[in-house]
Amino acid sequence: MTITAPLTQKISVRRKRASSVGGWAFIVTGIGHLAVATLAPAPEGAAAVKAQMRTVHVVIGVTRDLSQLMTGSSLAMAASFVAWGAGVLVLARRDVLRRRDPLVAGMAALSAVLLAISLAFFPAPPIVTMLVAVAAFGTAWVAAD
């Protein structure tokens, strides 16, 4: 028993650490998204923003231009990433994640889907953070009890 206890503790620490790395990858992605969303557009992008402002949509009686919708979506996405990452950190800290836990598999799957989207549409930063998240949650998922 004394021989296996330190090994179990080591693996539990490995799973917690890996899950925490995945959580931080989401937080960093969200903060980066927030930073980009709040930047003023480059001069060459200003014309696109003006065109968005001229494109008006009425949804359930509420009138918004496309620029407002894009900004709101970006801010909501940033907040969602930060909140998801923070939730993962809480779970990891409480040591509730177990080997082959469906929740960890779900986090790995979500990270993989977001990685695929990032590869198709985004620049390097979210690709890197989602690669880190996939690797981290994959490591947490296979860490034995």
C-alpha atoms as a PDB file:
ATOM      1  CA  MET A   1       0.000   0.000   0.000  1.00  0.00           C
ATOM      2  CA  THR A   2       2.767   2.456   0.832  1.00  0.00           C
ATOM      3  CA  ILE A   3       4.421   1.705  -2.514  1.00  0.00           C
ATOM      4  CA  THR A   4       1.310   2.490  -4.605  1.00  0.00           C
ATOM      5  CA  ALA A   5       0.129   5.540  -2.638  1.00  0.00           C
ATOM      6  CA  PRO A   6       2.956   7.837  -3.836  1.00  0.00           C
ATOM      7  CA  LEU A   7       2.416   6.604  -7.394  1.00  0.00           C
ATOM      8  CA  THR A   8      -1.319   7.352  -7.186  1.00  0.00           C
ATOM      9  CA  GLN A   9      -0.558  10.798  -5.782  1.00  0.00           C
ATOM     10  CA  LYS A  10       1.897  11.449  -8.623  1.00  0.00           C
ATOM     11  CA  ILE A  11      -0.675  10.502 -11.257  1.00  0.00           C
ATOM     12  CA  SER A  12      -3.366  12.565  -9.557  1.00  0.00           C
ATOM     13  CA  VAL A  13      -0.995  15.545  -9.584  1.00  0.00           C
ATOM     14  CA  ARG A  14      -0.263  14.878 -13.263  1.00  0.00           C
ATOM     15  CA  ARG A  15      -3.990  14.837 -14.098  1.00  0.00           C
ATOM     16  CA  LYS A  16      -4.636  18.002 -12.071  1.00  0.00           C
ATOM     17  CA  ARG A  17      -1.675  19.767 -13.654  1.00  0.00           C
ATOM     18  CA  ALA A  18      -2.659  18.721 -17.180  1.00  0.00           C
ATOM     19  CA  SER A  19      -6.273  19.821 -16.635  1.00  0.00           C
ATOM     20  CA  SER A  20      -5.055  23.136 -15.245  1.00  0.00           C
ATOM     21  CA  VAL A  21      -2.868  23.702 -18.305  1.00  0.00           C
ATOM     22  CA  GLY A  22      -5.923  23.061 -20.498  1.00  0.00           C
ATOM     23  CA  GLY A  23      -7.991  25.485 -18.430  1.00  0.00           C
ATOM     24  CA  TRP A  24      -5.313  28.152 -18.704  1.00  0.00           C
ATOM     25  CA  ALA A  25      -5.167  27.618 -22.484  1.00  0.00           C
ATOM     26  CA  PHE A  26      -8.856  28.567 -22.624  1.00  0.00           C
ATOM     27  CA  ILE A  27      -8.340  31.589 -20.361  1.00  0.00           C
ATOM     28  CA  VAL A  28      -5.420  32.837 -22.471  1.00  0.00           C
ATOM     29  CA  THR A  29      -7.483  32.354 -25.628  1.00  0.00           C
ATOM     30  CA  GLY A  30     -10.354  34.352 -24.113  1.00  0.00           C
ATOM     31  CA  ILE A  31      -8.118  37.185 -22.925  1.00  0.00           C
ATOM     32  CA  GLY A  32      -6.457  37.311 -26.343  1.00  0.00           C
ATOM     33  CA  HIS A  33      -9.869  37.370 -28.007  1.00  0.00           C
ATOM     34  CA  LEU A  34     -10.940  40.208 -25.703  1.00  0.00           C
ATOM     35  CA  ALA A  35      -7.778  42.171 -26.507  1.00  0.00           C
ATOM     36  CA  VAL A  36      -8.298  41.790 -30.259  1.00  0.00           C
ATOM     37  CA  ALA A  37     -12.010  42.622 -30.015  1.00  0.00           C
ATOM     38  CA  THR A  38     -11.303  45.894 -28.231  1.00  0.00           C
ATOM     39  CA  LEU A  39      -8.530  47.088 -30.573  1.00  0.00           C
ATOM     40  CA  ALA A  40      -9.280  49.838 -33.048  1.00  0.00           C
ATOM     41  CA  PRO A  41      -9.293  48.464 -36.586  1.00  0.00           C
ATOM     42  CA  ALA A  42      -6.286  48.996 -38.802  1.00  0.00           C
ATOM     43  CA  PRO A  43      -6.752  51.773 -41.375  1.00  0.00           C
ATOM     44  CA  GLU A  44      -7.419  49.213 -44.102  1.00  0.00           C
ATOM     45  CA  GLY A  45     -10.126  47.653 -41.918  1.00  0.00           C
ATOM     46  CA  ALA A  46     -11.893  50.923 -41.155  1.00  0.00           C
ATOM     47  CA  ALA A  47     -13.809  50.780 -44.453  1.00  0.00           C
ATOM     48  CA  ALA A  48     -15.076  47.301 -43.580  1.00  0.00           C
ATOM     49  CA  VAL A  49     -16.263  48.503 -40.158  1.00  0.00           C
ATOM     50  CA  LYS A  50     -18.073  51.435 -41.786  1.00  0.00           C
ATOM     51  CA  ALA A  51     -19.762  49.016 -44.176  1.00  0.00           C
ATOM     52  CA  GLN A  52     -20.797  46.860 -41.201  1.00  0.00           C
ATOM     53  CA  MET A  53     -22.263  49.929 -39.522  1.00  0.00           C
ATOM     54  CA  ARG A  54     -24.421  50.573 -42.599  1.00  0.00           C
ATOM     55  CA  THR A  55     -25.746  47.007 -42.557  1.00  0.00           C
ATOM     56  CA  VAL A  56     -28.691  46.976 -40.143  1.00  0.00           C
ATOM     57  CA  HIS A  57     -30.494  43.899 -38.826  1.00  0.00           C
ATOM     58  CA  VAL A  58     -33.731  43.754 -36.854  1.00  0.00           C
ATOM     59  CA  VAL A  59     -33.928  40.697 -34.626  1.00  0.00           C
ATOM     60  CA  ILE A  60     -37.042  40.251 -32.490  1.00  0.00           C
ATOM     61  CA  GLY A  61     -37.760  43.966 -32.729  1.00  0.00           C
ATOM     62  CA  VAL A  62     -34.238  45.059 -31.746  1.00  0.00           C
ATOM     63  CA  THR A  63     -32.266  46.997 -34.352  1.00  0.00           C
ATOM     64  CA  ARG A  64     -28.480  46.539 -34.423  1.00  0.00           C
ATOM     65  CA  ASP A  65     -25.884  47.137 -37.079  1.00  0.00           C
ATOM     66  CA  LEU A  66     -23.519  44.358 -38.090  1.00  0.00           C
ATOM     67  CA  SER A  67     -20.599  46.013 -36.292  1.00  0.00           C
ATOM     68  CA  GLN A  68     -22.516  45.948 -33.000  1.00  0.00           C
ATOM     69  CA  LEU A  69     -23.455  42.293 -33.527  1.00  0.00           C
ATOM     70  CA  MET A  70     -19.855  41.333 -34.332  1.00  0.00           C
ATOM     71  CA  THR A  71     -18.480  43.239 -31.329  1.00  0.00           C
ATOM     72  CA  GLY A  72     -21.068  41.740 -28.995  1.00  0.00           C
ATOM     73  CA  SER A  73     -20.384  38.233 -30.302  1.00  0.00           C
ATOM     74  CA  SER A  74     -16.646  38.699 -29.862  1.00  0.00           C
ATOM     75  CA  LEU A  75     -17.008  39.949 -26.290  1.00  0.00           C
ATOM     76  CA  ALA A  76     -19.397  37.108 -25.423  1.00  0.00           C
ATOM     77  CA  MET A  77     -16.984  34.576 -26.927  1.00  0.00           C
ATOM     78  CA  ALA A  78     -14.078  36.018 -24.934  1.00  0.00           C
ATOM     79  CA  ALA A  79     -16.098  35.863 -21.705  1.00  0.00           C
ATOM     80  CA  SER A  80     -17.166  32.287 -22.482  1.00  0.00           C
ATOM     81  CA  PHE A  81     -13.585  31.133 -22.997  1.00  0.00           C
ATOM     82  CA  VAL A  82     -12.423  32.759 -19.764  1.00  0.00           C
ATOM     83  CA  ALA A  83     -15.380  31.326 -17.804  1.00  0.00           C
ATOM     84  CA  TRP A  84     -14.893  27.830 -19.240  1.00  0.00           C
ATOM     85  CA  GLY A  85     -11.188  27.895 -18.404  1.00  0.00           C
ATOM     86  CA  ALA A  86     -11.894  29.141 -14.881  1.00  0.00           C
ATOM     87  CA  GLY A  87     -14.433  26.355 -14.386  1.00  0.00           C
ATOM     88  CA  VAL A  88     -11.869  23.784 -15.468  1.00  0.00           C
ATOM     89  CA  LEU A  89      -9.361  25.230 -12.999  1.00  0.00           C
ATOM     90  CA  VAL A  90     -11.918  24.870 -10.186  1.00  0.00           C
ATOM     91  CA  LEU A  91     -12.593  21.236 -11.142  1.00  0.00           C
ATOM     92  CA  ALA A  92      -8.880  20.467 -11.328  1.00  0.00           C
ATOM     93  CA  ARG A  93      -8.185  22.114  -7.993  1.00  0.00           C
ATOM     94  CA  ARG A  94     -10.966  20.131  -6.301  1.00  0.00           C
ATOM     95  CA  ASP A  95      -9.527  16.950  -7.806  1.00  0.00           C
ATOM     96  CA  VAL A  96     -12.915  15.719  -9.037  1.00  0.00           C
ATOM     97  CA  LEU A  97     -11.649  14.665 -12.478  1.00  0.00           C
ATOM     98  CA  ARG A  98     -10.922  10.956 -12.759  1.00  0.00           C
ATOM     99  CA  ARG A  99      -9.205   8.716 -15.283  1.00  0.00           C
ATOM    100  CA  ARG A 100     -11.273   8.351 -18.467  1.00  0.00           C
ATOM    101  CA  ASP A 101     -13.726  10.904 -17.065  1.00  0.00           C
ATOM    102  CA  PRO A 102     -16.372  11.776 -19.690  1.00  0.00           C
ATOM    103  CA  LEU A 103     -16.041  15.439 -18.706  1.00  0.00           C
ATOM    104  CA  VAL A 104     -12.321  15.391 -19.546  1.00  0.00           C
ATOM    105  CA  ALA A 105     -13.085  13.583 -22.809  1.00  0.00           C
ATOM    106  CA  GLY A 106     -15.621  16.312 -23.569  1.00  0.00           C
ATOM    107  CA  MET A 107     -13.047  19.015 -22.860  1.00  0.00           C
ATOM    108  CA  ALA A 108     -10.574  17.276 -25.164  1.00  0.00           C
ATOM    109  CA  ALA A 109     -13.239  16.926 -27.870  1.00  0.00           C
ATOM    110  CA  LEU A 110     -14.280  20.584 -27.565  1.00  0.00           C
ATOM    111  CA  SER A 111     -10.644  21.627 -27.779  1.00  0.00           C
ATOM    112  CA  ALA A 112     -10.173  19.465 -30.889  1.00  0.00           C
ATOM    113  CA  VAL A 113     -13.222  21.007 -32.586  1.00  0.00           C
ATOM    114  CA  LEU A 114     -11.995  24.503 -31.723  1.00  0.00           C
ATOM    115  CA  LEU A 115      -8.543  23.557 -33.019  1.00  0.00           C
ATOM    116  CA  ALA A 116     -10.055  22.478 -36.345  1.00  0.00           C
ATOM    117  CA  ILE A 117     -12.003  25.749 -36.589  1.00  0.00           C
ATOM    118  CA  SER A 118      -8.867  27.701 -35.684  1.00  0.00           C
ATOM    119  CA  LEU A 119      -6.825  25.892 -38.327  1.00  0.00           C
ATOM    120  CA  ALA A 120      -9.429  26.728 -40.963  1.00  0.00           C
ATOM    121  CA  PHE A 121     -10.129  30.353 -40.080  1.00  0.00           C
ATOM    122  CA  PHE A 122      -7.798  31.949 -37.528  1.00  0.00           C
ATOM    123  CA  PRO A 123      -4.183  33.098 -37.173  1.00  0.00           C
ATOM    124  CA  ALA A 124      -1.564  31.292 -35.090  1.00  0.00           C
ATOM    125  CA  PRO A 125      -2.434  32.306 -31.472  1.00  0.00           C
ATOM    126  CA  PRO A 126      -5.696  30.316 -31.072  1.00  0.00           C
ATOM    127  CA  ILE A 127      -4.177  27.425 -33.032  1.00  0.00           C
ATOM    128  CA  VAL A 128      -1.352  27.229 -30.497  1.00  0.00           C
ATOM    129  CA  THR A 129      -3.593  27.574 -27.438  1.00  0.00           C
ATOM    130  CA  MET A 130      -6.024  24.921 -28.698  1.00  0.00           C
ATOM    131  CA  LEU A 131      -3.115  22.572 -29.503  1.00  0.00           C
ATOM    132  CA  VAL A 132      -2.006  23.024 -25.898  1.00  0.00           C
ATOM    133  CA  ALA A 133      -5.569  22.374 -24.667  1.00  0.00           C
ATOM    134  CA  VAL A 134      -5.963  19.202 -26.765  1.00  0.00           C
ATOM    135  CA  ALA A 135      -2.624  17.855 -25.508  1.00  0.00           C
ATOM    136  CA  ALA A 136      -3.374  18.801 -21.902  1.00  0.00           C
ATOM    137  CA  PHE A 137      -6.861  17.308 -21.777  1.00  0.00           C
ATOM    138  CA  GLY A 138      -5.662  14.220 -23.646  1.00  0.00           C
ATOM    139  CA  THR A 139      -2.954  13.780 -21.009  1.00  0.00           C
ATOM    140  CA  ALA A 140      -5.489  14.272 -18.203  1.00  0.00           C
ATOM    141  CA  TRP A 141      -7.841  11.754 -19.788  1.00  0.00           C
ATOM    142  CA  VAL A 142      -5.301   8.933 -19.948  1.00  0.00           C
ATOM    143  CA  ALA A 143      -3.621   9.582 -16.584  1.00  0.00           C
ATOM    144  CA  ALA A 144      -4.299   6.402 -14.621  1.00  0.00           C
ATOM    145  CA  ASP A 145      -5.748   6.387 -11.124  1.00  0.00           C
END
